[in-house]
Amino acid sequence: MTDAAKENAIHHPERRHRAFWVGLILALLGGQMVLICTMAYVATSDGSFAIEPDYYQKGLHWDETAAQIRKNAELGWSVRLQVGDQVGIRGERALRCRLSDNVGRALDGATIDLVAFPHARGNQRSSATLIPADDGEYATSLRFSHPGVWEFRVIVQRGPETFTQTLLRDVRPPGVS
């Protein structure tokens, strides 16, 4: 055997091992990139993934939120929501709100803003301003696209007072009680 043939026989397994480890590292890096791209696609296209709007600003203003929670307890107001069974042409349903004080008397003359969304699809938010309907009642119409648990974030302005409340309601299909 010549010297060149002996050297080729000695370095051939080393080349195979080197190619194996380089290939393994490249495969792991490539798999990681595919996983990251897949997760980014799922996070931006799936409606069940939701990010709280302005969450950073809400965190920075936590003292104001805590003061509002204390003010809510001091006022003692309550909000009751009711979703109607009648469905309009565009799929909207009546949403009625009863606003009352700490002894149960109806409160008139308020402006009620509302943000509603299903928990299953947190990024599908609907906003509305409720208009006065009857004694202490306010109404609007919203499209409830999905049955299930909905979150309603209510902001009530009455004179200089502001009241906030978050309500969870099970919104069922029309006609199902």
N, C-alpha and C. Protein backbone atom coordinates (compact mmCIF):
# COMPACT_ATOMS: atom_id res chain seq x y z
N MET A 1 0.85 -1.16 0.00
CA MET A 1 0.00 0.00 0.00
C MET A 1 0.90 1.24 0.00
N THR A 2 0.56 2.16 -0.82
CA THR A 2 1.36 3.37 -0.92
C THR A 2 1.01 4.32 0.22
N ASP A 3 1.86 5.30 0.41
CA ASP A 3 1.63 6.27 1.49
C ASP A 3 0.35 7.06 1.25
N ALA A 4 0.06 7.42 0.01
CA ALA A 4 -1.14 8.18 -0.30
C ALA A 4 -2.38 7.36 0.00
N ALA A 5 -2.36 6.08 -0.29
CA ALA A 5 -3.51 5.22 -0.04
C ALA A 5 -3.71 5.04 1.46
N LYS A 6 -2.60 4.89 2.22
CA LYS A 6 -2.71 4.75 3.68
C LYS A 6 -3.32 6.02 4.30
N GLU A 7 -2.86 7.19 3.82
CA GLU A 7 -3.37 8.45 4.38
C GLU A 7 -4.85 8.63 4.05
N ASN A 8 -5.27 8.26 2.83
CA ASN A 8 -6.68 8.33 2.45
C ASN A 8 -7.53 7.44 3.34
N ALA A 9 -7.05 6.25 3.66
CA ALA A 9 -7.79 5.30 4.49
C ALA A 9 -7.91 5.83 5.92
N ILE A 10 -6.91 6.53 6.40
CA ILE A 10 -6.94 7.06 7.77
C ILE A 10 -7.88 8.26 7.86
N HIS A 11 -7.88 9.19 6.90
CA HIS A 11 -8.68 10.42 6.97
C HIS A 11 -10.12 10.23 6.52
N HIS A 12 -10.47 9.15 5.85
CA HIS A 12 -11.83 8.94 5.36
C HIS A 12 -12.85 8.85 6.50
N PRO A 13 -12.64 8.10 7.59
CA PRO A 13 -13.61 8.09 8.70
C PRO A 13 -13.71 9.45 9.37
N GLU A 14 -12.60 10.18 9.43
CA GLU A 14 -12.62 11.50 10.05
C GLU A 14 -13.51 12.45 9.24
N ARG A 15 -13.46 12.38 7.93
CA ARG A 15 -14.31 13.20 7.08
C ARG A 15 -15.79 12.85 7.29
N ARG A 16 -16.09 11.57 7.43
CA ARG A 16 -17.48 11.15 7.66
C ARG A 16 -18.00 11.70 8.97
N HIS A 17 -17.21 11.63 10.03
CA HIS A 17 -17.62 12.13 11.34
C HIS A 17 -17.79 13.65 11.30
N ARG A 18 -16.87 14.32 10.63
CA ARG A 18 -16.97 15.77 10.52
C ARG A 18 -18.24 16.16 9.76
N ALA A 19 -18.53 15.48 8.66
CA ALA A 19 -19.74 15.76 7.88
C ALA A 19 -20.99 15.46 8.71
N PHE A 20 -20.97 14.40 9.51
CA PHE A 20 -22.12 14.06 10.36
C PHE A 20 -22.40 15.17 11.36
N TRP A 21 -21.39 15.65 12.07
CA TRP A 21 -21.60 16.66 13.11
C TRP A 21 -21.99 18.01 12.52
N VAL A 22 -21.37 18.37 11.41
CA VAL A 22 -21.75 19.62 10.74
C VAL A 22 -23.20 19.51 10.25
N GLY A 23 -23.56 18.38 9.67
CA GLY A 23 -24.93 18.17 9.20
C GLY A 23 -25.94 18.19 10.34
N LEU A 24 -25.60 17.59 11.48
CA LEU A 24 -26.48 17.58 12.64
C LEU A 24 -26.72 19.00 13.16
N ILE A 25 -25.67 19.78 13.26
CA ILE A 25 -25.81 21.16 13.73
C ILE A 25 -26.67 21.98 12.77
N LEU A 26 -26.43 21.83 11.47
CA LEU A 26 -27.23 22.56 10.48
C LEU A 26 -28.68 22.11 10.52
N ALA A 27 -28.94 20.82 10.71
CA ALA A 27 -30.32 20.31 10.80
C ALA A 27 -31.03 20.88 12.03
N LEU A 28 -30.33 20.93 13.17
CA LEU A 28 -30.94 21.50 14.37
C LEU A 28 -31.25 22.98 14.21
N LEU A 29 -30.31 23.73 13.64
CA LEU A 29 -30.55 25.15 13.40
C LEU A 29 -31.70 25.36 12.41
N GLY A 30 -31.74 24.57 11.36
CA GLY A 30 -32.83 24.67 10.38
C GLY A 30 -34.17 24.31 10.99
N GLY A 31 -34.20 23.27 11.83
CA GLY A 31 -35.44 22.90 12.52
C GLY A 31 -35.92 24.01 13.43
N GLN A 32 -35.00 24.66 14.13
CA GLN A 32 -35.35 25.78 15.01
C GLN A 32 -35.95 26.93 14.20
N MET A 33 -35.38 27.22 13.05
CA MET A 33 -35.91 28.30 12.20
C MET A 33 -37.30 27.95 11.70
N VAL A 34 -37.53 26.71 11.30
CA VAL A 34 -38.86 26.29 10.85
C VAL A 34 -39.86 26.42 12.00
N LEU A 35 -39.47 26.00 13.21
CA LEU A 35 -40.35 26.10 14.37
C LEU A 35 -40.70 27.55 14.68
N ILE A 36 -39.74 28.44 14.63
CA ILE A 36 -39.99 29.86 14.90
C ILE A 36 -40.93 30.45 13.85
N CYS A 37 -40.71 30.14 12.61
CA CYS A 37 -41.59 30.65 11.54
C CYS A 37 -43.01 30.11 11.70
N THR A 38 -43.15 28.85 12.05
CA THR A 38 -44.47 28.25 12.27
C THR A 38 -45.18 28.92 13.43
N MET A 39 -44.50 29.14 14.54
CA MET A 39 -45.10 29.77 15.70
C MET A 39 -45.49 31.22 15.40
N ALA A 40 -44.67 31.93 14.64
CA ALA A 40 -45.01 33.31 14.27
C ALA A 40 -46.25 33.33 13.40
N TYR A 41 -46.37 32.40 12.49
CA TYR A 41 -47.55 32.31 11.63
C TYR A 41 -48.80 32.01 12.46
N VAL A 42 -48.71 31.04 13.35
CA VAL A 42 -49.86 30.67 14.18
C VAL A 42 -50.27 31.84 15.08
N ALA A 43 -49.30 32.51 15.66
CA ALA A 43 -49.59 33.62 16.58
C ALA A 43 -50.25 34.79 15.87
N THR A 44 -49.95 35.01 14.61
CA THR A 44 -50.52 36.17 13.92
C THR A 44 -51.76 35.83 13.11
N SER A 45 -52.05 34.56 12.88
CA SER A 45 -53.19 34.23 12.03
C SER A 45 -54.34 33.57 12.78
N ASP A 46 -54.10 33.00 13.93
CA ASP A 46 -55.14 32.30 14.67
C ASP A 46 -55.90 33.29 15.54
N GLY A 47 -57.22 33.31 15.41
CA GLY A 47 -58.05 34.25 16.15
C GLY A 47 -58.10 33.98 17.64
N SER A 48 -57.73 32.79 18.08
CA SER A 48 -57.79 32.50 19.51
C SER A 48 -56.59 33.06 20.26
N PHE A 49 -55.54 33.45 19.54
CA PHE A 49 -54.41 34.12 20.17
C PHE A 49 -54.71 35.61 20.20
N ALA A 50 -54.64 36.21 21.38
CA ALA A 50 -54.94 37.64 21.48
C ALA A 50 -53.95 38.30 22.43
N ILE A 51 -53.66 39.53 22.14
CA ILE A 51 -52.80 40.34 23.00
C ILE A 51 -53.63 41.50 23.51
N GLU A 52 -53.55 41.76 24.79
CA GLU A 52 -54.28 42.87 25.40
C GLU A 52 -53.77 44.18 24.82
N PRO A 53 -54.67 44.98 24.24
CA PRO A 53 -54.22 46.26 23.69
C PRO A 53 -53.66 47.17 24.79
N ASP A 54 -52.59 47.84 24.51
CA ASP A 54 -51.95 48.81 25.41
C ASP A 54 -51.62 48.21 26.78
N TYR A 55 -51.27 46.95 26.83
CA TYR A 55 -51.00 46.32 28.13
C TYR A 55 -49.84 46.98 28.85
N TYR A 56 -48.86 47.47 28.11
CA TYR A 56 -47.71 48.09 28.75
C TYR A 56 -48.13 49.40 29.42
N GLN A 57 -48.93 50.21 28.71
CA GLN A 57 -49.41 51.47 29.29
C GLN A 57 -50.30 51.21 30.50
N LYS A 58 -51.11 50.15 30.44
CA LYS A 58 -51.95 49.81 31.59
C LYS A 58 -51.10 49.44 32.79
N GLY A 59 -50.00 48.77 32.54
CA GLY A 59 -49.10 48.42 33.63
C GLY A 59 -48.43 49.65 34.22
N LEU A 60 -48.05 50.59 33.36
CA LEU A 60 -47.43 51.81 33.85
C LEU A 60 -48.39 52.66 34.67
N HIS A 61 -49.68 52.58 34.36
CA HIS A 61 -50.69 53.39 35.04
C HIS A 61 -51.49 52.56 36.04
N TRP A 62 -50.85 51.59 36.66
CA TRP A 62 -51.54 50.71 37.60
C TRP A 62 -52.09 51.48 38.80
N ASP A 63 -51.42 52.50 39.25
CA ASP A 63 -51.91 53.29 40.39
C ASP A 63 -53.28 53.91 40.07
N GLU A 64 -53.44 54.39 38.84
CA GLU A 64 -54.74 54.95 38.44
C GLU A 64 -55.81 53.87 38.39
N THR A 65 -55.44 52.68 37.94
CA THR A 65 -56.39 51.57 37.91
C THR A 65 -56.81 51.18 39.33
N ALA A 66 -55.85 51.13 40.25
CA ALA A 66 -56.16 50.80 41.64
C ALA A 66 -57.05 51.87 42.27
N ALA A 67 -56.80 53.14 41.94
CA ALA A 67 -57.65 54.22 42.45
C ALA A 67 -59.06 54.10 41.89
N GLN A 68 -59.19 53.69 40.62
CA GLN A 68 -60.52 53.50 40.02
C GLN A 68 -61.25 52.33 40.69
N ILE A 69 -60.55 51.28 41.03
CA ILE A 69 -61.17 50.14 41.74
C ILE A 69 -61.71 50.60 43.09
N ARG A 70 -60.94 51.42 43.80
CA ARG A 70 -61.42 51.97 45.08
C ARG A 70 -62.63 52.87 44.87
N LYS A 71 -62.61 53.69 43.82
CA LYS A 71 -63.74 54.58 43.51
C LYS A 71 -64.98 53.77 43.17
N ASN A 72 -64.82 52.67 42.43
CA ASN A 72 -65.95 51.79 42.10
C ASN A 72 -66.60 51.25 43.37
N ALA A 73 -65.77 50.81 44.32
CA ALA A 73 -66.30 50.28 45.58
C ALA A 73 -67.01 51.37 46.38
N GLU A 74 -66.45 52.57 46.35
CA GLU A 74 -67.05 53.71 47.07
C GLU A 74 -68.41 54.07 46.48
N LEU A 75 -68.52 54.10 45.14
CA LEU A 75 -69.79 54.44 44.49
C LEU A 75 -70.83 53.34 44.72
N GLY A 76 -70.43 52.10 44.63
CA GLY A 76 -71.34 50.99 44.84
C GLY A 76 -72.35 50.77 43.73
N TRP A 77 -72.12 51.35 42.57
CA TRP A 77 -73.03 51.18 41.45
C TRP A 77 -72.94 49.75 40.93
N SER A 78 -73.97 49.34 40.20
CA SER A 78 -73.94 48.02 39.59
C SER A 78 -74.50 48.10 38.17
N VAL A 79 -74.02 47.22 37.35
CA VAL A 79 -74.43 47.13 35.95
C VAL A 79 -74.92 45.72 35.72
N ARG A 80 -76.11 45.61 35.13
CA ARG A 80 -76.66 44.31 34.75
C ARG A 80 -76.86 44.31 33.24
N LEU A 81 -76.35 43.31 32.58
CA LEU A 81 -76.47 43.21 31.12
C LEU A 81 -77.42 42.08 30.75
N GLN A 82 -78.15 42.30 29.66
CA GLN A 82 -79.04 41.28 29.14
C GLN A 82 -78.95 41.28 27.62
N VAL A 83 -78.72 40.11 27.04
CA VAL A 83 -78.63 39.97 25.58
C VAL A 83 -79.97 39.47 25.08
N GLY A 84 -80.55 40.19 24.12
CA GLY A 84 -81.86 39.82 23.57
C GLY A 84 -81.77 38.62 22.64
N ASP A 85 -82.95 38.03 22.39
CA ASP A 85 -83.01 36.86 21.51
C ASP A 85 -83.25 37.20 20.05
N GLN A 86 -83.80 38.37 19.77
CA GLN A 86 -84.11 38.75 18.39
C GLN A 86 -82.82 39.08 17.64
N VAL A 87 -82.70 38.52 16.45
CA VAL A 87 -81.52 38.75 15.62
C VAL A 87 -81.89 39.64 14.45
N GLY A 88 -81.14 40.72 14.25
CA GLY A 88 -81.39 41.65 13.16
C GLY A 88 -80.89 41.12 11.83
N ILE A 89 -81.09 41.92 10.79
CA ILE A 89 -80.69 41.53 9.44
C ILE A 89 -79.20 41.28 9.34
N ARG A 90 -78.39 42.09 10.00
CA ARG A 90 -76.93 41.94 9.93
C ARG A 90 -76.37 41.05 11.03
N GLY A 91 -77.24 40.35 11.74
CA GLY A 91 -76.79 39.42 12.78
C GLY A 91 -76.62 40.04 14.15
N GLU A 92 -77.05 41.31 14.31
CA GLU A 92 -76.89 41.96 15.60
C GLU A 92 -78.07 41.61 16.52
N ARG A 93 -77.77 41.66 17.80
CA ARG A 93 -78.78 41.41 18.84
C ARG A 93 -78.80 42.58 19.81
N ALA A 94 -79.96 42.79 20.42
CA ALA A 94 -80.11 43.88 21.38
C ALA A 94 -79.33 43.57 22.65
N LEU A 95 -78.67 44.58 23.16
CA LEU A 95 -77.96 44.47 24.43
C LEU A 95 -78.51 45.56 25.34
N ARG A 96 -79.10 45.15 26.43
CA ARG A 96 -79.69 46.10 27.38
C ARG A 96 -78.86 46.10 28.65
N CYS A 97 -78.74 47.29 29.23
CA CYS A 97 -77.93 47.46 30.42
C CYS A 97 -78.77 48.22 31.45
N ARG A 98 -78.81 47.73 32.66
CA ARG A 98 -79.50 48.43 33.75
C ARG A 98 -78.43 48.93 34.70
N LEU A 99 -78.44 50.24 34.94
CA LEU A 99 -77.48 50.90 35.82
C LEU A 99 -78.21 51.32 37.09
N SER A 100 -77.69 50.89 38.23
CA SER A 100 -78.33 51.25 39.50
C SER A 100 -77.28 51.63 40.54
N ASP A 101 -77.74 52.38 41.56
CA ASP A 101 -76.83 52.82 42.60
C ASP A 101 -76.71 51.75 43.69
N ASN A 102 -76.09 52.11 44.82
CA ASN A 102 -75.81 51.13 45.86
C ASN A 102 -77.06 50.63 46.60
N VAL A 103 -78.21 51.32 46.46
CA VAL A 103 -79.44 50.83 47.09
C VAL A 103 -80.42 50.29 46.05
N GLY A 104 -80.00 50.19 44.80
CA GLY A 104 -80.82 49.59 43.76
C GLY A 104 -81.66 50.56 42.96
N ARG A 105 -81.56 51.87 43.20
CA ARG A 105 -82.30 52.86 42.41
C ARG A 105 -81.65 53.01 41.04
N ALA A 106 -82.49 53.20 40.05
CA ALA A 106 -82.01 53.38 38.68
C ALA A 106 -81.27 54.70 38.55
N LEU A 107 -80.21 54.70 37.78
CA LEU A 107 -79.42 55.91 37.53
C LEU A 107 -79.61 56.34 36.08
N ASP A 108 -80.11 57.55 35.91
CA ASP A 108 -80.28 58.12 34.57
C ASP A 108 -79.18 59.14 34.30
N GLY A 109 -79.10 59.55 33.04
CA GLY A 109 -78.17 60.62 32.67
C GLY A 109 -76.72 60.20 32.58
N ALA A 110 -76.49 58.94 32.30
CA ALA A 110 -75.12 58.44 32.19
C ALA A 110 -74.76 58.16 30.74
N THR A 111 -73.49 58.14 30.46
CA THR A 111 -72.97 57.70 29.17
C THR A 111 -72.24 56.40 29.42
N ILE A 112 -72.62 55.36 28.70
CA ILE A 112 -72.02 54.04 28.93
C ILE A 112 -71.30 53.60 27.67
N ASP A 113 -70.00 53.39 27.79
CA ASP A 113 -69.19 52.84 26.71
C ASP A 113 -68.87 51.40 27.06
N LEU A 114 -68.81 50.58 26.02
CA LEU A 114 -68.69 49.14 26.23
C LEU A 114 -67.72 48.55 25.22
N VAL A 115 -66.90 47.63 25.68
CA VAL A 115 -66.07 46.80 24.80
C VAL A 115 -66.42 45.36 25.12
N ALA A 116 -66.75 44.60 24.08
CA ALA A 116 -67.16 43.21 24.27
C ALA A 116 -66.36 42.31 23.35
N PHE A 117 -66.02 41.12 23.86
CA PHE A 117 -65.32 40.13 23.03
C PHE A 117 -65.51 38.74 23.61
N PRO A 118 -65.55 37.74 22.73
CA PRO A 118 -65.65 36.36 23.22
C PRO A 118 -64.29 35.89 23.73
N HIS A 119 -64.29 35.12 24.79
CA HIS A 119 -63.02 34.63 25.32
C HIS A 119 -62.33 33.71 24.33
N ALA A 120 -63.08 32.99 23.52
CA ALA A 120 -62.47 32.08 22.54
C ALA A 120 -61.79 32.83 21.41
N ARG A 121 -62.18 34.06 21.16
CA ARG A 121 -61.61 34.88 20.09
C ARG A 121 -61.35 36.28 20.64
N GLY A 122 -60.37 36.39 21.51
CA GLY A 122 -60.11 37.64 22.21
C GLY A 122 -59.71 38.81 21.34
N ASN A 123 -59.31 38.55 20.11
CA ASN A 123 -58.91 39.66 19.25
C ASN A 123 -60.08 40.20 18.42
N GLN A 124 -61.26 39.64 18.57
CA GLN A 124 -62.44 40.12 17.85
C GLN A 124 -63.28 40.99 18.78
N ARG A 125 -62.84 42.21 18.96
CA ARG A 125 -63.48 43.12 19.92
C ARG A 125 -64.51 44.01 19.21
N SER A 126 -65.60 44.25 19.94
CA SER A 126 -66.64 45.16 19.47
C SER A 126 -66.79 46.27 20.49
N SER A 127 -66.96 47.49 20.00
CA SER A 127 -67.16 48.65 20.87
C SER A 127 -68.51 49.26 20.57
N ALA A 128 -69.13 49.82 21.60
CA ALA A 128 -70.43 50.47 21.42
C ALA A 128 -70.64 51.48 22.52
N THR A 129 -71.47 52.46 22.24
CA THR A 129 -71.94 53.41 23.24
C THR A 129 -73.43 53.15 23.41
N LEU A 130 -73.84 52.86 24.64
CA LEU A 130 -75.23 52.56 24.91
C LEU A 130 -76.00 53.87 25.07
N ILE A 131 -77.21 53.89 24.51
CA ILE A 131 -78.04 55.09 24.59
C ILE A 131 -79.17 54.85 25.59
N PRO A 132 -79.64 55.91 26.26
CA PRO A 132 -80.72 55.75 27.24
C PRO A 132 -81.98 55.19 26.58
N ALA A 133 -82.61 54.23 27.25
CA ALA A 133 -83.82 53.61 26.72
C ALA A 133 -85.00 53.88 27.65
N ASP A 134 -84.99 53.35 28.85
CA ASP A 134 -86.05 53.53 29.83
C ASP A 134 -85.44 54.03 31.12
N ASP A 135 -86.18 53.88 32.19
CA ASP A 135 -85.76 54.30 33.52
C ASP A 135 -84.51 53.51 33.95
N GLY A 136 -83.35 54.14 33.86
CA GLY A 136 -82.11 53.51 34.27
C GLY A 136 -81.61 52.43 33.34
N GLU A 137 -82.23 52.32 32.17
CA GLU A 137 -81.81 51.31 31.20
C GLU A 137 -81.22 51.97 29.98
N TYR A 138 -80.24 51.29 29.42
CA TYR A 138 -79.52 51.78 28.25
C TYR A 138 -79.45 50.62 27.27
N ALA A 139 -79.40 50.93 25.98
CA ALA A 139 -79.45 49.86 24.98
C ALA A 139 -78.55 50.17 23.79
N THR A 140 -78.16 49.10 23.13
CA THR A 140 -77.45 49.17 21.86
C THR A 140 -77.65 47.83 21.18
N SER A 141 -77.09 47.68 20.01
CA SER A 141 -77.11 46.38 19.35
C SER A 141 -75.69 46.00 18.98
N LEU A 142 -75.38 44.73 19.19
CA LEU A 142 -74.05 44.19 18.89
C LEU A 142 -74.20 42.89 18.14
N ARG A 143 -73.19 42.58 17.39
CA ARG A 143 -73.16 41.30 16.69
C ARG A 143 -72.36 40.32 17.55
N PHE A 144 -73.02 39.26 17.98
CA PHE A 144 -72.37 38.23 18.78
C PHE A 144 -72.03 37.07 17.84
N SER A 145 -70.81 37.08 17.36
CA SER A 145 -70.39 36.14 16.32
C SER A 145 -70.20 34.72 16.82
N HIS A 146 -69.88 34.56 18.08
CA HIS A 146 -69.62 33.22 18.63
C HIS A 146 -70.39 33.03 19.92
N PRO A 147 -71.04 31.90 20.09
CA PRO A 147 -71.63 31.62 21.39
C PRO A 147 -70.53 31.26 22.39
N GLY A 148 -70.82 31.45 23.66
CA GLY A 148 -69.84 31.10 24.69
C GLY A 148 -69.66 32.25 25.67
N VAL A 149 -68.58 32.20 26.41
CA VAL A 149 -68.31 33.22 27.43
C VAL A 149 -67.77 34.47 26.76
N TRP A 150 -68.43 35.59 27.06
CA TRP A 150 -68.02 36.90 26.55
C TRP A 150 -67.62 37.77 27.72
N GLU A 151 -66.65 38.63 27.47
CA GLU A 151 -66.24 39.62 28.47
C GLU A 151 -66.74 40.99 28.02
N PHE A 152 -67.38 41.69 28.95
CA PHE A 152 -67.91 43.03 28.71
C PHE A 152 -67.18 43.99 29.64
N ARG A 153 -66.49 44.96 29.08
CA ARG A 153 -65.81 45.99 29.86
C ARG A 153 -66.62 47.28 29.74
N VAL A 154 -67.18 47.68 30.86
CA VAL A 154 -68.12 48.80 30.88
C VAL A 154 -67.47 50.00 31.54
N ILE A 155 -67.62 51.18 30.91
CA ILE A 155 -67.17 52.44 31.49
C ILE A 155 -68.38 53.37 31.53
N VAL A 156 -68.77 53.77 32.73
CA VAL A 156 -69.94 54.62 32.94
C VAL A 156 -69.45 56.00 33.35
N GLN A 157 -69.91 57.03 32.63
CA GLN A 157 -69.65 58.43 32.96
C GLN A 157 -70.98 59.05 33.36
N ARG A 158 -71.06 59.56 34.56
CA ARG A 158 -72.28 60.26 35.01
C ARG A 158 -71.84 61.48 35.79
N GLY A 159 -71.99 62.62 35.17
CA GLY A 159 -71.49 63.86 35.78
C GLY A 159 -69.98 63.75 35.94
N PRO A 160 -69.47 64.09 37.13
CA PRO A 160 -68.02 64.01 37.34
C PRO A 160 -67.55 62.59 37.72
N GLU A 161 -68.49 61.69 37.91
CA GLU A 161 -68.16 60.33 38.37
C GLU A 161 -67.88 59.38 37.21
N THR A 162 -66.91 58.52 37.42
CA THR A 162 -66.60 57.45 36.46
C THR A 162 -66.64 56.13 37.20
N PHE A 163 -67.32 55.16 36.62
CA PHE A 163 -67.47 53.82 37.20
C PHE A 163 -67.07 52.82 36.13
N THR A 164 -66.30 51.83 36.51
CA THR A 164 -65.91 50.78 35.56
C THR A 164 -66.27 49.42 36.14
N GLN A 165 -66.59 48.51 35.26
CA GLN A 165 -66.88 47.15 35.69
C GLN A 165 -66.61 46.20 34.53
N THR A 166 -66.10 45.03 34.85
CA THR A 166 -65.88 43.98 33.87
C THR A 166 -66.82 42.84 34.21
N LEU A 167 -67.62 42.43 33.23
CA LEU A 167 -68.60 41.38 33.43
C LEU A 167 -68.33 40.22 32.48
N LEU A 168 -68.57 39.03 32.95
CA LEU A 168 -68.50 37.83 32.11
C LEU A 168 -69.91 37.30 31.96
N ARG A 169 -70.31 37.00 30.73
CA ARG A 169 -71.64 36.48 30.46
C ARG A 169 -71.53 35.33 29.48
N ASP A 170 -72.39 34.35 29.68
CA ASP A 170 -72.49 33.24 28.74
C ASP A 170 -73.51 33.65 27.68
N VAL A 171 -73.05 33.94 26.48
CA VAL A 171 -73.93 34.34 25.40
C VAL A 171 -74.27 33.09 24.59
N ARG A 172 -75.53 32.76 24.61
CA ARG A 172 -75.99 31.55 23.91
C ARG A 172 -76.63 31.93 22.57
N PRO A 173 -76.77 30.96 21.69
CA PRO A 173 -77.47 31.25 20.43
C PRO A 173 -78.90 31.70 20.71
N PRO A 174 -79.49 32.48 19.82
CA PRO A 174 -80.86 32.95 20.04
C PRO A 174 -81.83 31.78 20.25
N GLY A 175 -82.73 31.95 21.20
CA GLY A 175 -83.75 30.95 21.47
C GLY A 175 -83.31 29.85 22.43
N VAL A 176 -82.03 29.82 22.81
CA VAL A 176 -81.54 28.81 23.75
C VAL A 176 -81.38 29.48 25.10
N SER A 177 -82.03 28.91 26.12
CA SER A 177 -81.92 29.54 27.45
C SER A 177 -80.98 28.79 28.35
